[in-house]
Amino acid sequence: MTFADNLKQLPKISHLAAIDLLDAEGNMVATIENKQGQTGSLMVYNHLGQIYGSITPEAAGKGLELYAEHTEDARAHPGKHPNIDRLLAIEAGAGALRVKHRFAT
């Protein structure tokens, strides 16, 4: 299935303004906002946080499956897809990240 097909099966995110990703010390390492160009990543990371509780190596592997064709593009072009690059790093052994939701008002 394609990334677009996968997104159709994920929970809706209209209630979210953003997700902050926190390292083991609680430092914010990234924010994914609910705006054009980031909505798909917000859906993926929200889903992973709901299912796995945090972005662990196992969660990262599932996320890479969800990104489908974009995962191979990210492997071929490091830096082009930072949200996928982050999952590749976590899958390879970088520390897990905690997901903190910021709700829309």
C-alpha atoms as a PDB file:
ATOM      1  CA  MET A   1       0.000   0.000   0.000  1.00  0.00           C
ATOM      2  CA  THR A   2       1.071   3.571  -0.561  1.00  0.00           C
ATOM      3  CA  PHE A   3       1.593   6.260   2.059  1.00  0.00           C
ATOM      4  CA  ALA A   4      -1.695   7.894   1.013  1.00  0.00           C
ATOM      5  CA  ASP A   5      -3.523   4.562   1.427  1.00  0.00           C
ATOM      6  CA  ASN A   6      -1.960   4.050   4.854  1.00  0.00           C
ATOM      7  CA  LEU A   7      -2.994   7.527   6.025  1.00  0.00           C
ATOM      8  CA  LYS A   8      -6.644   6.727   5.252  1.00  0.00           C
ATOM      9  CA  GLN A   9      -6.508   3.976   7.881  1.00  0.00           C
ATOM     10  CA  LEU A  10      -4.994   6.083  10.674  1.00  0.00           C
ATOM     11  CA  PRO A  11      -6.929   7.995  13.346  1.00  0.00           C
ATOM     12  CA  LYS A  12      -7.967  11.547  12.511  1.00  0.00           C
ATOM     13  CA  ILE A  13      -5.926  14.390  14.027  1.00  0.00           C
ATOM     14  CA  SER A  14      -8.185  17.450  13.797  1.00  0.00           C
ATOM     15  CA  HIS A  15      -8.007  17.701  17.600  1.00  0.00           C
ATOM     16  CA  LEU A  16      -4.211  18.134  17.531  1.00  0.00           C
ATOM     17  CA  ALA A  17      -2.237  21.335  17.034  1.00  0.00           C
ATOM     18  CA  ALA A  18       1.112  19.517  17.194  1.00  0.00           C
ATOM     19  CA  ILE A  19       3.150  16.725  18.727  1.00  0.00           C
ATOM     20  CA  ASP A  20       6.359  17.426  20.617  1.00  0.00           C
ATOM     21  CA  LEU A  21       8.968  14.659  20.693  1.00  0.00           C
ATOM     22  CA  LEU A  22      10.953  14.455  23.926  1.00  0.00           C
ATOM     23  CA  ASP A  23      14.148  12.558  24.670  1.00  0.00           C
ATOM     24  CA  ALA A  24      14.801  10.518  27.838  1.00  0.00           C
ATOM     25  CA  GLU A  25      15.740  13.667  29.772  1.00  0.00           C
ATOM     26  CA  GLY A  26      12.554  15.449  28.728  1.00  0.00           C
ATOM     27  CA  ASN A  27      14.239  17.768  26.240  1.00  0.00           C
ATOM     28  CA  MET A  28      12.189  18.622  23.177  1.00  0.00           C
ATOM     29  CA  VAL A  29      14.009  17.334  20.103  1.00  0.00           C
ATOM     30  CA  ALA A  30      11.340  18.023  17.475  1.00  0.00           C
ATOM     31  CA  THR A  31       7.836  19.314  16.862  1.00  0.00           C
ATOM     32  CA  ILE A  32       5.483  18.094  14.164  1.00  0.00           C
ATOM     33  CA  GLU A  33       2.694  20.567  13.535  1.00  0.00           C
ATOM     34  CA  ASN A  34      -0.779  20.123  12.114  1.00  0.00           C
ATOM     35  CA  LYS A  35      -0.115  22.137   8.976  1.00  0.00           C
ATOM     36  CA  GLN A  36       0.313  21.477   5.289  1.00  0.00           C
ATOM     37  CA  GLY A  37       3.416  19.414   4.622  1.00  0.00           C
ATOM     38  CA  GLN A  38       3.445  17.876   8.106  1.00  0.00           C
ATOM     39  CA  THR A  39      -0.076  16.481   8.508  1.00  0.00           C
ATOM     40  CA  GLY A  40       0.857  12.995   7.283  1.00  0.00           C
ATOM     41  CA  SER A  41       3.789  12.800   9.673  1.00  0.00           C
ATOM     42  CA  LEU A  42       1.596  14.044  12.505  1.00  0.00           C
ATOM     43  CA  MET A  43      -0.851  11.229  11.743  1.00  0.00           C
ATOM     44  CA  VAL A  44       1.921   8.613  11.709  1.00  0.00           C
ATOM     45  CA  TYR A  45       3.610   9.792  14.902  1.00  0.00           C
ATOM     46  CA  ASN A  46       0.257  10.184  16.691  1.00  0.00           C
ATOM     47  CA  HIS A  47      -0.655   6.619  15.740  1.00  0.00           C
ATOM     48  CA  LEU A  48       2.715   5.268  16.890  1.00  0.00           C
ATOM     49  CA  GLY A  49       2.399   7.099  20.208  1.00  0.00           C
ATOM     50  CA  GLN A  50      -1.086   5.681  20.756  1.00  0.00           C
ATOM     51  CA  ILE A  51      -0.109   2.108  19.907  1.00  0.00           C
ATOM     52  CA  TYR A  52       3.389   1.896  21.413  1.00  0.00           C
ATOM     53  CA  GLY A  53       3.314   4.604  24.097  1.00  0.00           C
ATOM     54  CA  SER A  54       6.517   6.146  22.726  1.00  0.00           C
ATOM     55  CA  ILE A  55       8.634   6.020  19.595  1.00  0.00           C
ATOM     56  CA  THR A  56      10.662   2.881  20.311  1.00  0.00           C
ATOM     57  CA  PRO A  57      12.698   0.882  17.783  1.00  0.00           C
ATOM     58  CA  GLU A  58       9.656  -1.370  17.247  1.00  0.00           C
ATOM     59  CA  ALA A  59       7.393   1.674  16.754  1.00  0.00           C
ATOM     60  CA  ALA A  60       9.936   3.211  14.369  1.00  0.00           C
ATOM     61  CA  GLY A  61       9.890   0.050  12.258  1.00  0.00           C
ATOM     62  CA  LYS A  62       6.114   0.214  12.007  1.00  0.00           C
ATOM     63  CA  GLY A  63       6.315   3.917  11.151  1.00  0.00           C
ATOM     64  CA  LEU A  64       8.747   3.180   8.330  1.00  0.00           C
ATOM     65  CA  GLU A  65       6.245   0.669   6.951  1.00  0.00           C
ATOM     66  CA  LEU A  66       3.498   3.308   7.111  1.00  0.00           C
ATOM     67  CA  TYR A  67       5.613   5.841   5.222  1.00  0.00           C
ATOM     68  CA  ALA A  68       5.780   3.219   2.439  1.00  0.00           C
ATOM     69  CA  GLU A  69       7.415   4.600  -0.728  1.00  0.00           C
ATOM     70  CA  HIS A  70       8.752   7.651   1.127  1.00  0.00           C
ATOM     71  CA  THR A  71      10.956   5.443   3.322  1.00  0.00           C
ATOM     72  CA  GLU A  72      13.059   4.327   0.361  1.00  0.00           C
ATOM     73  CA  ASP A  73      13.324   7.916  -0.848  1.00  0.00           C
ATOM     74  CA  ALA A  74      14.518   8.939   2.617  1.00  0.00           C
ATOM     75  CA  ARG A  75      17.156   6.194   2.612  1.00  0.00           C
ATOM     76  CA  ALA A  76      18.355   7.324  -0.815  1.00  0.00           C
ATOM     77  CA  HIS A  77      18.318  11.037   0.100  1.00  0.00           C
ATOM     78  CA  PRO A  78      19.269  11.572   3.777  1.00  0.00           C
ATOM     79  CA  GLY A  79      17.981  14.900   5.078  1.00  0.00           C
ATOM     80  CA  LYS A  80      15.115  15.162   2.600  1.00  0.00           C
ATOM     81  CA  HIS A  81      12.569  13.617   5.006  1.00  0.00           C
ATOM     82  CA  PRO A  82      13.580  14.531   8.584  1.00  0.00           C
ATOM     83  CA  ASN A  83      10.614  12.785  10.215  1.00  0.00           C
ATOM     84  CA  ILE A  84      11.512   9.547   8.436  1.00  0.00           C
ATOM     85  CA  ASP A  85      15.233  10.067   9.126  1.00  0.00           C
ATOM     86  CA  ARG A  86      14.353  10.241  12.834  1.00  0.00           C
ATOM     87  CA  LEU A  87      12.575   6.868  12.644  1.00  0.00           C
ATOM     88  CA  LEU A  88      15.514   5.330  10.774  1.00  0.00           C
ATOM     89  CA  ALA A  89      17.857   6.533  13.537  1.00  0.00           C
ATOM     90  CA  ILE A  90      15.620   5.173  16.297  1.00  0.00           C
ATOM     91  CA  GLU A  91      15.275   1.833  14.527  1.00  0.00           C
ATOM     92  CA  ALA A  92      19.094   1.725  14.266  1.00  0.00           C
ATOM     93  CA  GLY A  93      19.519   2.254  18.010  1.00  0.00           C
ATOM     94  CA  ALA A  94      19.098   5.934  18.818  1.00  0.00           C
ATOM     95  CA  GLY A  95      17.109   6.500  21.990  1.00  0.00           C
ATOM     96  CA  ALA A  96      13.328   6.273  22.076  1.00  0.00           C
ATOM     97  CA  LEU A  97      11.269   9.466  22.093  1.00  0.00           C
ATOM     98  CA  ARG A  98       8.223  10.309  24.173  1.00  0.00           C
ATOM     99  CA  VAL A  99       5.223  11.831  22.407  1.00  0.00           C
ATOM    100  CA  LYS A 100       3.573  14.869  23.979  1.00  0.00           C
ATOM    101  CA  HIS A 101       0.331  15.993  22.356  1.00  0.00           C
ATOM    102  CA  ARG A 102      -0.597  19.654  21.978  1.00  0.00           C
ATOM    103  CA  PHE A 103      -4.323  19.927  21.510  1.00  0.00           C
ATOM    104  CA  ALA A 104      -6.052  22.414  19.211  1.00  0.00           C
ATOM    105  CA  THR A 105      -8.085  25.108  20.890  1.00  0.00           C
END
